[in-house]
Every structure is written in structure tokens, then in C-alpha cells.
Amino acid sequence: MKRFICKSALTLGCKVAGVKAYIEDDIFTTHAHDFVEEPEFLGAYARGIKAAGPHYYFRWRVHVALWAAGVARRLPGDFVECGTNKGFVASAIMHTLDWNSCGKRFFLLDTWQGLDVATLSDEEKKAGFVENSQKWIKEGIYETDFEAVTKNFSEWKNVSLIKGTIPATLPQITSDQIAFLHLDLNCSPPEIAALEYLWPKLVPGAMVLHDDYGGFPLSKLGMDEIAGRLGVQFVTLPTGQGLMIKPPEAR
């Protein structure tokens, strides 16, 4: 995730030509966005804020994630998130799905130490990813308090927090079937490794949601490359996310 400092005009009741507008997270639209006032969404979003703090203005991104998770709940298989950080999206999902009655497992992976320099590509290092990671750790954007994360998720069962660097930690995902994969690692090589490793475990119809697709050009290039090798394609969403649904005939 990124763009943490953009304050939401949506909360100010902004109107354009008398029509209520959505202005947030680099999105401007007057199209219907009544989901922001639905009690179920408000509860899920509040749970995400409880986990991550108030400086998150990603309503439409969370809306997409909740939709994808809701579809995935109907499929066989567990949930995986690579890049959990404070637990913003995962907390919102588990709140919405009433996770303790869901009958699925959720595997949450992160270094909880910022970006691992060893996993960055040369292009990402040149682009200042190391410096950004150090800056975001100092600012508290990247969570390094693993105990706080553990406490946040303690209300739910069937949750596995896997601390360390991808791809080394991927074998700790013990599920044979995965219905939902959320990628939010803010760097390309481990995202590619995660999708490639988990692809055979993804069930037909599985949701693959990539948070960085539209906001990190190097991540998009990496995802497009691995998707091409797998014979699939991501759709670019105006939220900056990329969405791919594993087709039934996928190899």
C-alpha cells in the first residue's frame, strides 16, 4: 500500500455540479459509491482502521477486496495475504466474513521489518526503494511490532502469521487449496515468486488481487511477465489494484 497522506474529500461531503463525488486515493468520480455508507462496509472499514490507524483512505480498494473475498468464500480453499503489515485489509475481510464461522484458514505473510533489501531488483534499488522502506519504518507506516500484529488478530481462529522473507517462507503455507490471494509486498521479485509458487494451489475461480499493480510500474511489469507465462491476464482497476481470476482451464 502507499499514498498514505492523501486526506479524503469524501468525508467532507464534496459535491461536483450538485452531485456527490468520490475523491480519494487518486480517484475522482461521480459514479455510484453508496457502499461507503452501508453499515456492513462501515463496520469492516472501522475494523481495518482499528488495526492500522486513522491514516488510511482506501475505501474503494477495501470495497474491491471485500467483494473478492466474498466470492472466494464460496470456493474451496484457504486465504493467503503476502504483505500484511498492520493488518488493515485482512482485518476488514475477516470482520466481514465472520471469520470464526468461515471454516477457512488465513495465512498472513510479512517480514514485519520493512522491505528485505536482498529481494529487491536492481531497478528497485536505483528507484529508492531501500530509502523509502527506511523512511516508512521511521514514520510507522511499516509495522515492526510483531506482538501488536499478533494481538490484533487474536480475536480470530485459523489465522497463521508467518514472519520472514518471501520466497523462503512460502513453504509454511500448508494449504493445498487456495481461494484468495492478496499481494501487497511493494516490490516485484517476491510478488512474482509468491504467485508462481502458489499458482498450482489456486483453485479454479480463485481471486488474485494485486494492490501494487497500478501504482508500482516495476511491480506491474513483473506481474504481467509471470501472468503471461501462466497464460492469464490482470485487469487494471482505477483503484491501482490489479485483479485476476484463475480460469477453469488454466494450467
C-alpha atoms as a PDB file:
ATOM      1  CA  MET A   1       0.000   0.000   0.000  1.00  0.00           C
ATOM      2  CA  LYS A   2       1.012   3.605  -0.488  1.00  0.00           C
ATOM      3  CA  ARG A   3      -0.257   7.179  -0.737  1.00  0.00           C
ATOM      4  CA  PHE A   4      -0.863   7.472   2.999  1.00  0.00           C
ATOM      5  CA  ILE A   5      -1.039  11.261   3.219  1.00  0.00           C
ATOM      6  CA  CYS A   6      -3.940  11.961   0.861  1.00  0.00           C
ATOM      7  CA  LYS A   7      -6.774  13.212   3.071  1.00  0.00           C
ATOM      8  CA  SER A   8     -10.227  12.197   1.930  1.00  0.00           C
ATOM      9  CA  ALA A   9     -12.501  14.869   0.492  1.00  0.00           C
ATOM     10  CA  LEU A  10     -15.245  12.262   0.546  1.00  0.00           C
ATOM     11  CA  THR A  11     -15.631  12.716   4.292  1.00  0.00           C
ATOM     12  CA  LEU A  12     -16.211  16.435   3.701  1.00  0.00           C
ATOM     13  CA  GLY A  13     -19.323  15.805   1.602  1.00  0.00           C
ATOM     14  CA  CYS A  14     -17.747  17.130  -1.577  1.00  0.00           C
ATOM     15  CA  LYS A  15     -20.169  17.782  -4.438  1.00  0.00           C
ATOM     16  CA  VAL A  16     -19.497  18.482  -8.116  1.00  0.00           C
ATOM     17  CA  ALA A  17     -22.308  20.200 -10.045  1.00  0.00           C
ATOM     18  CA  GLY A  18     -24.642  19.203  -7.235  1.00  0.00           C
ATOM     19  CA  VAL A  19     -23.681  15.539  -7.444  1.00  0.00           C
ATOM     20  CA  LYS A  20     -21.891  13.871  -4.546  1.00  0.00           C
ATOM     21  CA  ALA A  21     -18.404  12.930  -5.658  1.00  0.00           C
ATOM     22  CA  TYR A  22     -15.892  10.347  -4.513  1.00  0.00           C
ATOM     23  CA  ILE A  23     -12.446  11.962  -4.231  1.00  0.00           C
ATOM     24  CA  GLU A  24      -9.917   9.737  -2.508  1.00  0.00           C
ATOM     25  CA  ASP A  25      -6.809   7.638  -3.134  1.00  0.00           C
ATOM     26  CA  ASP A  26      -6.160   9.220  -6.561  1.00  0.00           C
ATOM     27  CA  ILE A  27      -9.755   8.538  -7.657  1.00  0.00           C
ATOM     28  CA  PHE A  28     -12.288  11.146  -8.703  1.00  0.00           C
ATOM     29  CA  THR A  29     -15.736  10.012  -9.821  1.00  0.00           C
ATOM     30  CA  THR A  30     -19.378  10.934  -9.504  1.00  0.00           C
ATOM     31  CA  HIS A  31     -20.415   7.359 -10.216  1.00  0.00           C
ATOM     32  CA  ALA A  32     -22.393   5.489  -7.568  1.00  0.00           C
ATOM     33  CA  HIS A  33     -20.411   4.847  -4.410  1.00  0.00           C
ATOM     34  CA  ASP A  34     -23.194   4.253  -1.931  1.00  0.00           C
ATOM     35  CA  PHE A  35     -21.216   1.335  -0.496  1.00  0.00           C
ATOM     36  CA  VAL A  36     -19.324   3.862   1.661  1.00  0.00           C
ATOM     37  CA  GLU A  37     -22.477   4.369   3.740  1.00  0.00           C
ATOM     38  CA  GLU A  38     -23.547   0.735   4.056  1.00  0.00           C
ATOM     39  CA  PRO A  39     -23.393  -0.493   7.668  1.00  0.00           C
ATOM     40  CA  GLU A  40     -21.601  -3.714   6.723  1.00  0.00           C
ATOM     41  CA  PHE A  41     -18.893  -1.795   4.880  1.00  0.00           C
ATOM     42  CA  LEU A  42     -18.563   0.777   7.639  1.00  0.00           C
ATOM     43  CA  GLY A  43     -18.054  -1.977  10.192  1.00  0.00           C
ATOM     44  CA  ALA A  44     -15.406  -3.694   8.090  1.00  0.00           C
ATOM     45  CA  TYR A  45     -13.597  -0.438   7.353  1.00  0.00           C
ATOM     46  CA  ALA A  46     -13.646   0.541  11.023  1.00  0.00           C
ATOM     47  CA  ARG A  47     -12.069  -2.802  11.901  1.00  0.00           C
ATOM     48  CA  GLY A  48      -9.330  -2.151   9.371  1.00  0.00           C
ATOM     49  CA  ILE A  49      -8.726   1.295  10.864  1.00  0.00           C
ATOM     50  CA  LYS A  50      -8.566  -0.253  14.327  1.00  0.00           C
ATOM     51  CA  ALA A  51      -5.722  -2.453  13.095  1.00  0.00           C
ATOM     52  CA  ALA A  52      -3.805   0.139  11.115  1.00  0.00           C
ATOM     53  CA  GLY A  53      -4.583   3.574  12.489  1.00  0.00           C
ATOM     54  CA  PRO A  54      -6.523   6.512  11.057  1.00  0.00           C
ATOM     55  CA  HIS A  55      -4.220   7.488   8.179  1.00  0.00           C
ATOM     56  CA  TYR A  56      -5.753   5.167   5.614  1.00  0.00           C
ATOM     57  CA  TYR A  57      -8.110   6.472   2.936  1.00  0.00           C
ATOM     58  CA  PHE A  58      -8.627   3.435   0.748  1.00  0.00           C
ATOM     59  CA  ARG A  59     -12.368   2.870   0.791  1.00  0.00           C
ATOM     60  CA  TRP A  60     -12.729   1.788  -2.818  1.00  0.00           C
ATOM     61  CA  ARG A  61      -9.725  -0.513  -2.580  1.00  0.00           C
ATOM     62  CA  VAL A  62     -11.225  -2.137   0.506  1.00  0.00           C
ATOM     63  CA  HIS A  63     -14.579  -2.377  -1.303  1.00  0.00           C
ATOM     64  CA  VAL A  64     -12.861  -4.369  -4.084  1.00  0.00           C
ATOM     65  CA  ALA A  65     -11.043  -6.588  -1.591  1.00  0.00           C
ATOM     66  CA  LEU A  66     -14.247  -7.342   0.305  1.00  0.00           C
ATOM     67  CA  TRP A  67     -16.027  -8.247  -2.925  1.00  0.00           C
ATOM     68  CA  ALA A  68     -13.217 -10.577  -3.999  1.00  0.00           C
ATOM     69  CA  ALA A  69     -13.074 -12.182  -0.560  1.00  0.00           C
ATOM     70  CA  GLY A  70     -16.846 -12.673  -0.592  1.00  0.00           C
ATOM     71  CA  VAL A  71     -16.629 -14.517  -3.909  1.00  0.00           C
ATOM     72  CA  ALA A  72     -13.686 -16.591  -2.678  1.00  0.00           C
ATOM     73  CA  ARG A  73     -15.583 -17.633   0.426  1.00  0.00           C
ATOM     74  CA  ARG A  74     -17.889 -19.692  -1.790  1.00  0.00           C
ATOM     75  CA  LEU A  75     -14.946 -21.606  -3.254  1.00  0.00           C
ATOM     76  CA  PRO A  76     -12.992 -24.459  -1.708  1.00  0.00           C
ATOM     77  CA  GLY A  77      -9.661 -23.359  -0.309  1.00  0.00           C
ATOM     78  CA  ASP A  78      -7.996 -21.010   2.144  1.00  0.00           C
ATOM     79  CA  PHE A  79      -6.913 -17.367   2.054  1.00  0.00           C
ATOM     80  CA  VAL A  80      -3.363 -16.001   1.726  1.00  0.00           C
ATOM     81  CA  GLU A  81      -2.060 -12.456   2.051  1.00  0.00           C
ATOM     82  CA  CYS A  82       1.531 -11.638   1.174  1.00  0.00           C
ATOM     83  CA  GLY A  83       2.299  -8.259   2.705  1.00  0.00           C
ATOM     84  CA  THR A  84       0.017  -7.925   5.711  1.00  0.00           C
ATOM     85  CA  ASN A  85       1.789  -5.075   7.510  1.00  0.00           C
ATOM     86  CA  LYS A  86      -0.546  -3.812  10.265  1.00  0.00           C
ATOM     87  CA  GLY A  87      -3.447  -5.947   9.052  1.00  0.00           C
ATOM     88  CA  PHE A  88      -5.690  -3.297   7.504  1.00  0.00           C
ATOM     89  CA  VAL A  89      -7.208  -5.280   4.618  1.00  0.00           C
ATOM     90  CA  ALA A  90      -7.102  -8.705   6.269  1.00  0.00           C
ATOM     91  CA  SER A  91      -8.882  -7.381   9.372  1.00  0.00           C
ATOM     92  CA  ALA A  92     -11.625  -5.835   7.258  1.00  0.00           C
ATOM     93  CA  ILE A  93     -12.066  -9.098   5.362  1.00  0.00           C
ATOM     94  CA  MET A  94     -12.230 -11.276   8.468  1.00  0.00           C
ATOM     95  CA  HIS A  95     -14.712  -8.909  10.091  1.00  0.00           C
ATOM     96  CA  THR A  96     -16.992  -9.029   7.042  1.00  0.00           C
ATOM     97  CA  LEU A  97     -16.787 -12.793   6.560  1.00  0.00           C
ATOM     98  CA  ASP A  98     -17.325 -13.560  10.255  1.00  0.00           C
ATOM     99  CA  TRP A  99     -14.067 -15.453  10.103  1.00  0.00           C
ATOM    100  CA  ASN A 100     -14.555 -17.694  13.124  1.00  0.00           C
ATOM    101  CA  SER A 101     -17.526 -19.318  11.400  1.00  0.00           C
ATOM    102  CA  CYS A 102     -15.984 -19.284   7.932  1.00  0.00           C
ATOM    103  CA  GLY A 103     -14.288 -22.678   8.099  1.00  0.00           C
ATOM    104  CA  LYS A 104     -11.193 -21.469   6.252  1.00  0.00           C
ATOM    105  CA  ARG A 105      -7.622 -20.670   7.213  1.00  0.00           C
ATOM    106  CA  PHE A 106      -5.913 -17.327   6.591  1.00  0.00           C
ATOM    107  CA  PHE A 107      -2.136 -17.284   6.098  1.00  0.00           C
ATOM    108  CA  LEU A 108      -0.618 -13.820   6.631  1.00  0.00           C
ATOM    109  CA  LEU A 109       2.976 -13.263   5.489  1.00  0.00           C
ATOM    110  CA  ASP A 110       5.260 -10.308   6.101  1.00  0.00           C
ATOM    111  CA  THR A 111       8.802  -9.524   7.215  1.00  0.00           C
ATOM    112  CA  TRP A 112       7.417  -7.063   9.777  1.00  0.00           C
ATOM    113  CA  GLN A 113      10.795  -5.375   9.305  1.00  0.00           C
ATOM    114  CA  GLY A 114      10.186  -3.401   6.123  1.00  0.00           C
ATOM    115  CA  LEU A 115      11.495  -4.425   2.734  1.00  0.00           C
ATOM    116  CA  ASP A 116      14.210  -7.073   2.623  1.00  0.00           C
ATOM    117  CA  VAL A 117      16.938  -5.440   0.532  1.00  0.00           C
ATOM    118  CA  ALA A 118      18.098  -8.845  -0.712  1.00  0.00           C
ATOM    119  CA  THR A 119      14.778  -9.346  -2.525  1.00  0.00           C
ATOM    120  CA  LEU A 120      14.807  -6.045  -4.417  1.00  0.00           C
ATOM    121  CA  SER A 121      15.670  -5.869  -8.088  1.00  0.00           C
ATOM    122  CA  ASP A 122      18.480  -3.586  -9.228  1.00  0.00           C
ATOM    123  CA  GLU A 123      15.880  -1.278 -10.771  1.00  0.00           C
ATOM    124  CA  GLU A 124      14.007  -1.013  -7.475  1.00  0.00           C
ATOM    125  CA  LYS A 125      17.191  -0.234  -5.577  1.00  0.00           C
ATOM    126  CA  LYS A 126      18.013   2.511  -8.087  1.00  0.00           C
ATOM    127  CA  ALA A 127      14.468   3.852  -7.725  1.00  0.00           C
ATOM    128  CA  GLY A 128      14.976   4.433  -3.989  1.00  0.00           C
ATOM    129  CA  PHE A 129      13.017   1.523  -2.546  1.00  0.00           C
ATOM    130  CA  VAL A 130      15.579   0.985   0.221  1.00  0.00           C
ATOM    131  CA  GLU A 131      15.376   4.599   1.337  1.00  0.00           C
ATOM    132  CA  ASN A 132      11.580   4.577   1.145  1.00  0.00           C
ATOM    133  CA  SER A 133      11.418   1.460   3.302  1.00  0.00           C
ATOM    134  CA  GLN A 134      13.660   3.004   5.949  1.00  0.00           C
ATOM    135  CA  LYS A 135      11.593   6.208   5.869  1.00  0.00           C
ATOM    136  CA  TRP A 136       8.295   4.333   6.232  1.00  0.00           C
ATOM    137  CA  ILE A 137       9.660   2.326   9.159  1.00  0.00           C
ATOM    138  CA  LYS A 138      10.624   5.557  10.952  1.00  0.00           C
ATOM    139  CA  GLU A 139       7.207   7.066  10.211  1.00  0.00           C
ATOM    140  CA  GLY A 140       5.413   3.987  11.495  1.00  0.00           C
ATOM    141  CA  ILE A 141       3.870   3.148   8.124  1.00  0.00           C
ATOM    142  CA  TYR A 142       5.669  -0.204   8.035  1.00  0.00           C
ATOM    143  CA  GLU A 143       4.857  -2.188  11.170  1.00  0.00           C
ATOM    144  CA  THR A 144       7.795  -3.704  13.066  1.00  0.00           C
ATOM    145  CA  ASP A 145       5.948  -4.607  16.278  1.00  0.00           C
ATOM    146  CA  PHE A 146       5.064  -8.246  15.661  1.00  0.00           C
ATOM    147  CA  GLU A 147       3.402  -8.536  19.065  1.00  0.00           C
ATOM    148  CA  ALA A 148       0.984  -5.762  18.143  1.00  0.00           C
ATOM    149  CA  VAL A 149       0.066  -7.563  14.928  1.00  0.00           C
ATOM    150  CA  THR A 150      -0.396 -10.832  16.815  1.00  0.00           C
ATOM    151  CA  LYS A 151      -2.686  -9.092  19.299  1.00  0.00           C
ATOM    152  CA  ASN A 152      -4.737  -7.555  16.506  1.00  0.00           C
ATOM    153  CA  PHE A 153      -5.529 -10.958  15.003  1.00  0.00           C
ATOM    154  CA  SER A 154      -6.005 -12.770  18.306  1.00  0.00           C
ATOM    155  CA  GLU A 155      -9.808 -12.486  18.141  1.00  0.00           C
ATOM    156  CA  TRP A 156      -9.940 -14.864  15.184  1.00  0.00           C
ATOM    157  CA  LYS A 157      -9.102 -18.540  14.907  1.00  0.00           C
ATOM    158  CA  ASN A 158      -7.441 -20.338  11.998  1.00  0.00           C
ATOM    159  CA  VAL A 159      -5.023 -17.456  11.391  1.00  0.00           C
ATOM    160  CA  SER A 160      -1.325 -18.149  10.785  1.00  0.00           C
ATOM    161  CA  LEU A 161       1.159 -15.266  10.977  1.00  0.00           C
ATOM    162  CA  ILE A 162       4.277 -16.192   9.011  1.00  0.00           C
ATOM    163  CA  LYS A 163       7.169 -13.849   9.695  1.00  0.00           C
ATOM    164  CA  GLY A 164      10.108 -13.659   7.317  1.00  0.00           C
ATOM    165  CA  THR A 165      11.104 -13.091   3.727  1.00  0.00           C
ATOM    166  CA  ILE A 166       9.331 -14.406   0.665  1.00  0.00           C
ATOM    167  CA  PRO A 167      10.047 -16.775  -1.068  1.00  0.00           C
ATOM    168  CA  ALA A 168      11.758 -18.553   1.869  1.00  0.00           C
ATOM    169  CA  THR A 169       8.577 -18.538   3.972  1.00  0.00           C
ATOM    170  CA  LEU A 170       6.178 -19.761   1.270  1.00  0.00           C
ATOM    171  CA  PRO A 171       6.513 -23.472   2.200  1.00  0.00           C
ATOM    172  CA  GLN A 172       4.983 -22.591   5.587  1.00  0.00           C
ATOM    173  CA  ILE A 173       1.657 -22.149   3.796  1.00  0.00           C
ATOM    174  CA  THR A 174       0.346 -25.636   4.456  1.00  0.00           C
ATOM    175  CA  SER A 175      -2.869 -25.372   2.452  1.00  0.00           C
ATOM    176  CA  ASP A 176      -3.305 -27.496  -0.675  1.00  0.00           C
ATOM    177  CA  GLN A 177      -6.121 -25.294  -1.976  1.00  0.00           C
ATOM    178  CA  ILE A 178      -6.217 -21.504  -2.062  1.00  0.00           C
ATOM    179  CA  ALA A 179      -9.290 -19.459  -2.976  1.00  0.00           C
ATOM    180  CA  PHE A 180      -7.989 -15.926  -2.328  1.00  0.00           C
ATOM    181  CA  LEU A 181      -4.517 -14.425  -2.762  1.00  0.00           C
ATOM    182  CA  HIS A 182      -3.768 -10.804  -1.894  1.00  0.00           C
ATOM    183  CA  LEU A 183      -0.349  -9.489  -2.947  1.00  0.00           C
ATOM    184  CA  ASP A 184       0.866  -6.252  -1.383  1.00  0.00           C
ATOM    185  CA  LEU A 185       4.639  -6.504  -0.984  1.00  0.00           C
ATOM    186  CA  ASN A 186       5.591  -3.174  -2.601  1.00  0.00           C
ATOM    187  CA  CYS A 187       8.411  -4.839  -4.546  1.00  0.00           C
ATOM    188  CA  SER A 188       8.333  -7.112  -7.550  1.00  0.00           C
ATOM    189  CA  PRO A 189      10.602 -10.194  -7.105  1.00  0.00           C
ATOM    190  CA  PRO A 190       8.831 -11.645  -4.029  1.00  0.00           C
ATOM    191  CA  GLU A 191       5.432 -10.936  -5.605  1.00  0.00           C
ATOM    192  CA  ILE A 192       6.446 -12.896  -8.691  1.00  0.00           C
ATOM    193  CA  ALA A 193       7.815 -15.695  -6.520  1.00  0.00           C
ATOM    194  CA  ALA A 194       4.613 -15.861  -4.472  1.00  0.00           C
ATOM    195  CA  LEU A 195       2.299 -16.067  -7.473  1.00  0.00           C
ATOM    196  CA  GLU A 196       4.475 -18.634  -9.208  1.00  0.00           C
ATOM    197  CA  TYR A 197       4.770 -20.818  -6.107  1.00  0.00           C
ATOM    198  CA  LEU A 198       1.097 -20.629  -5.152  1.00  0.00           C
ATOM    199  CA  TRP A 199      -0.361 -20.892  -8.655  1.00  0.00           C
ATOM    200  CA  PRO A 200      -0.756 -24.693  -8.602  1.00  0.00           C
ATOM    201  CA  LYS A 201      -2.625 -24.399  -5.283  1.00  0.00           C
ATOM    202  CA  LEU A 202      -5.089 -21.784  -6.559  1.00  0.00           C
ATOM    203  CA  VAL A 203      -8.463 -23.397  -7.252  1.00  0.00           C
ATOM    204  CA  PRO A 204     -10.416 -22.599 -10.439  1.00  0.00           C
ATOM    205  CA  GLY A 205     -12.118 -19.246  -9.920  1.00  0.00           C
ATOM    206  CA  ALA A 206      -9.618 -18.180  -7.237  1.00  0.00           C
ATOM    207  CA  MET A 207      -9.256 -14.436  -6.740  1.00  0.00           C
ATOM    208  CA  VAL A 208      -5.797 -12.885  -7.134  1.00  0.00           C
ATOM    209  CA  LEU A 209      -5.766  -9.247  -6.044  1.00  0.00           C
ATOM    210  CA  HIS A 210      -2.558  -7.249  -6.504  1.00  0.00           C
ATOM    211  CA  ASP A 211      -2.542  -3.978  -4.590  1.00  0.00           C
ATOM    212  CA  ASP A 212       0.550  -2.524  -6.290  1.00  0.00           C
ATOM    213  CA  TYR A 213      -0.397  -3.204  -9.909  1.00  0.00           C
ATOM    214  CA  GLY A 214      -1.275   0.314 -11.000  1.00  0.00           C
ATOM    215  CA  GLY A 215       0.924   2.232  -8.579  1.00  0.00           C
ATOM    216  CA  PHE A 216       4.284   0.481  -8.890  1.00  0.00           C
ATOM    217  CA  PRO A 217       5.331   0.240 -12.570  1.00  0.00           C
ATOM    218  CA  LEU A 218       8.059  -2.299 -11.818  1.00  0.00           C
ATOM    219  CA  SER A 219       5.565  -4.492  -9.969  1.00  0.00           C
ATOM    220  CA  LYS A 220       3.163  -4.299 -12.914  1.00  0.00           C
ATOM    221  CA  LEU A 221       5.901  -5.364 -15.303  1.00  0.00           C
ATOM    222  CA  GLY A 222       6.707  -8.317 -13.079  1.00  0.00           C
ATOM    223  CA  MET A 223       3.074  -9.367 -12.730  1.00  0.00           C
ATOM    224  CA  ASP A 224       2.468  -9.055 -16.464  1.00  0.00           C
ATOM    225  CA  GLU A 225       5.505 -11.212 -17.159  1.00  0.00           C
ATOM    226  CA  ILE A 226       4.507 -14.033 -14.806  1.00  0.00           C
ATOM    227  CA  ALA A 227       0.844 -13.786 -15.850  1.00  0.00           C
ATOM    228  CA  GLY A 228       1.887 -14.143 -19.481  1.00  0.00           C
ATOM    229  CA  ARG A 229       3.854 -17.288 -18.679  1.00  0.00           C
ATOM    230  CA  LEU A 230       0.833 -18.671 -16.843  1.00  0.00           C
ATOM    231  CA  GLY A 231      -1.488 -17.845 -19.730  1.00  0.00           C
ATOM    232  CA  VAL A 232      -3.642 -15.340 -17.827  1.00  0.00           C
ATOM    233  CA  GLN A 233      -4.036 -11.577 -17.592  1.00  0.00           C
ATOM    234  CA  PHE A 234      -4.692  -8.972 -14.905  1.00  0.00           C
ATOM    235  CA  VAL A 235      -7.304  -6.282 -15.337  1.00  0.00           C
ATOM    236  CA  THR A 236      -6.219  -2.823 -14.223  1.00  0.00           C
ATOM    237  CA  LEU A 237      -8.617  -1.174 -11.782  1.00  0.00           C
ATOM    238  CA  PRO A 238      -8.850   2.592 -11.204  1.00  0.00           C
ATOM    239  CA  THR A 239      -8.002   1.955  -7.557  1.00  0.00           C
ATOM    240  CA  GLY A 240      -4.489   0.997  -8.666  1.00  0.00           C
ATOM    241  CA  GLN A 241      -5.177  -2.660  -7.941  1.00  0.00           C
ATOM    242  CA  GLY A 242      -4.877  -5.479 -10.440  1.00  0.00           C
ATOM    243  CA  LEU A 243      -7.408  -8.294 -10.423  1.00  0.00           C
ATOM    244  CA  MET A 244      -7.085 -11.730 -11.947  1.00  0.00           C
ATOM    245  CA  ILE A 245      -9.442 -14.692 -11.634  1.00  0.00           C
ATOM    246  CA  LYS A 246      -7.912 -18.097 -12.262  1.00  0.00           C
ATOM    247  CA  PRO A 247      -9.827 -19.614 -15.184  1.00  0.00           C
ATOM    248  CA  PRO A 248     -11.082 -23.207 -15.011  1.00  0.00           C
ATOM    249  CA  GLU A 249      -8.856 -24.311 -17.871  1.00  0.00           C
ATOM    250  CA  ALA A 250      -5.667 -22.696 -16.532  1.00  0.00           C
ATOM    251  CA  ARG A 251      -2.645 -24.956 -16.426  1.00  0.00           C
END
